[in-house]
Amino acid sequence: MVLTEINGIINQPSPYSVSETLDRLVTVLQAKGITIFARIDQKIEAEKLELSLHPTQLLLCGSPQTGTPLMVAEPAIAPELPLKVLAWEAANGNVWLSYNDFLYLQQWFSLSDEQ
């Protein structure tokens, strides 16, 4: 497994389809009590406009119990919350899971380790 990071975005390969990747992630997140706010199939949205897009789905998730104190400490972090996770298929058929690196966000917003 090869992780890559570009400008604070972690890209992790997935051996599953875009849908199955997010299905599996949702199962894990819900088991941990994390709220799923939305799941957007961007390929379907593109098709509505007669545009072509490889399978791409965006998941918005988080925990108000965790996110709210972060926004109290640093209101400018709000546009990054809820967390966003993107599952997408590259032109070569490889599937990736992309998300913000939490350490990058911590540094970007000068958050303490406790936060």
Protein backbone atom coordinates (compact mmCIF):
# COMPACT_ATOMS: atom_id res chain seq x y z
CA MET A 1 0.00 0.00 0.00
CA VAL A 2 1.45 3.36 -1.03
CA LEU A 3 0.20 6.51 0.64
CA THR A 4 0.92 9.82 -0.99
CA GLU A 5 0.43 13.30 0.38
CA ILE A 6 0.08 16.45 -1.67
CA ASN A 7 -0.52 19.81 0.05
CA GLY A 8 -2.03 18.20 3.13
CA ILE A 9 -4.22 15.74 1.22
CA ILE A 10 -3.54 12.06 1.87
CA ASN A 11 -4.23 9.72 -1.05
CA GLN A 12 -4.59 6.09 -0.07
CA PRO A 13 -5.13 3.31 -2.62
CA SER A 14 -8.14 1.06 -2.25
CA PRO A 15 -8.50 -2.48 -3.60
CA TYR A 16 -12.28 -1.99 -3.84
CA SER A 17 -14.62 -0.08 -6.15
CA VAL A 18 -15.50 3.51 -5.26
CA SER A 19 -18.90 2.46 -3.89
CA GLU A 20 -17.55 -0.46 -1.88
CA THR A 21 -14.69 1.65 -0.53
CA LEU A 22 -17.14 4.18 0.89
CA ASP A 23 -19.59 1.49 2.03
CA ARG A 24 -16.81 -0.11 4.06
CA LEU A 25 -15.67 3.24 5.44
CA VAL A 26 -19.22 4.20 6.44
CA THR A 27 -19.57 0.93 8.35
CA VAL A 28 -16.38 1.62 10.32
CA LEU A 29 -17.25 5.26 10.99
CA GLN A 30 -20.78 4.48 12.17
CA ALA A 31 -19.44 1.77 14.48
CA LYS A 32 -17.29 4.50 16.07
CA GLY A 33 -20.29 6.81 16.50
CA ILE A 34 -19.26 9.20 13.75
CA THR A 35 -22.14 10.94 11.98
CA ILE A 36 -22.53 10.60 8.21
CA PHE A 37 -23.94 13.93 7.07
CA ALA A 38 -24.02 13.32 3.32
CA ARG A 39 -22.80 11.08 0.54
CA ILE A 40 -22.63 12.71 -2.87
CA ASP A 41 -22.21 10.68 -6.05
CA GLN A 42 -20.44 13.24 -8.20
CA LYS A 43 -20.49 10.99 -11.27
CA ILE A 44 -24.31 10.97 -11.19
CA GLU A 45 -24.39 14.73 -10.73
CA ALA A 46 -22.06 15.14 -13.74
CA GLU A 47 -24.23 12.83 -15.84
CA LYS A 48 -27.25 15.05 -15.13
CA LEU A 49 -25.40 17.72 -17.09
CA GLU A 50 -24.34 15.23 -19.77
CA LEU A 51 -20.74 15.37 -18.54
CA SER A 52 -18.46 12.40 -18.11
CA LEU A 53 -16.67 11.64 -14.86
CA HIS A 54 -15.00 8.51 -13.55
CA PRO A 55 -16.72 7.10 -10.44
CA THR A 56 -16.30 9.71 -7.71
CA GLN A 57 -18.12 9.94 -4.39
CA LEU A 58 -17.73 12.44 -1.58
CA LEU A 59 -18.55 11.62 2.03
CA LEU A 60 -19.16 14.32 4.64
CA CYS A 61 -18.76 12.99 8.15
CA GLY A 62 -17.75 13.99 11.61
CA SER A 63 -18.57 14.35 15.25
CA PRO A 64 -20.13 17.56 16.51
CA GLN A 65 -18.77 16.57 19.93
CA THR A 66 -15.24 16.78 18.49
CA GLY A 67 -15.72 19.44 15.83
CA THR A 68 -17.50 22.03 17.96
CA PRO A 69 -14.61 22.51 20.41
CA LEU A 70 -12.26 22.88 17.43
CA MET A 71 -14.47 25.64 16.00
CA VAL A 72 -14.62 27.34 19.41
CA ALA A 73 -10.82 27.26 19.64
CA GLU A 74 -10.30 28.32 16.02
CA PRO A 75 -13.41 29.47 14.12
CA ALA A 76 -11.49 29.57 10.82
CA ILE A 77 -11.39 25.75 10.80
CA ALA A 78 -15.16 25.63 10.17
CA PRO A 79 -14.88 25.41 6.35
CA GLU A 80 -12.90 22.18 6.85
CA LEU A 81 -15.69 20.65 8.96
CA PRO A 82 -17.43 18.34 8.65
CA LEU A 83 -14.58 16.21 7.40
CA LYS A 84 -14.62 15.26 3.76
CA VAL A 85 -13.45 11.95 2.31
CA LEU A 86 -13.32 11.41 -1.44
CA ALA A 87 -13.33 8.00 -3.11
CA TRP A 88 -12.43 8.24 -6.77
CA GLU A 89 -11.38 6.15 -9.71
CA ALA A 90 -8.36 7.29 -11.69
CA ALA A 91 -8.19 7.05 -15.48
CA ASN A 92 -6.14 3.83 -15.13
CA GLY A 93 -8.92 2.20 -13.05
CA ASN A 94 -7.14 2.46 -9.69
CA VAL A 95 -9.35 3.58 -6.81
CA TRP A 96 -8.16 6.09 -4.23
CA LEU A 97 -9.41 7.48 -0.95
CA SER A 98 -8.41 11.12 -0.38
CA TYR A 99 -8.77 13.17 2.80
CA ASN A 100 -7.13 15.97 4.77
CA ASP A 101 -4.11 14.99 6.85
CA PHE A 102 -5.10 15.73 10.45
CA LEU A 103 -1.54 16.80 11.32
CA TYR A 104 -1.62 19.25 8.41
CA LEU A 105 -4.89 20.73 9.74
CA GLN A 106 -3.41 20.92 13.23
CA GLN A 107 -0.42 22.88 11.95
CA TRP A 108 -2.46 25.01 9.54
CA PHE A 109 -4.79 26.18 12.32
CA SER A 110 -2.19 26.16 15.13
CA LEU A 111 -4.18 23.67 17.21
CA SER A 112 -2.69 22.07 20.29
CA ASP A 113 -2.24 18.32 20.62
CA GLU A 114 -5.17 18.25 23.07
CA GLN A 115 -7.46 19.89 20.53
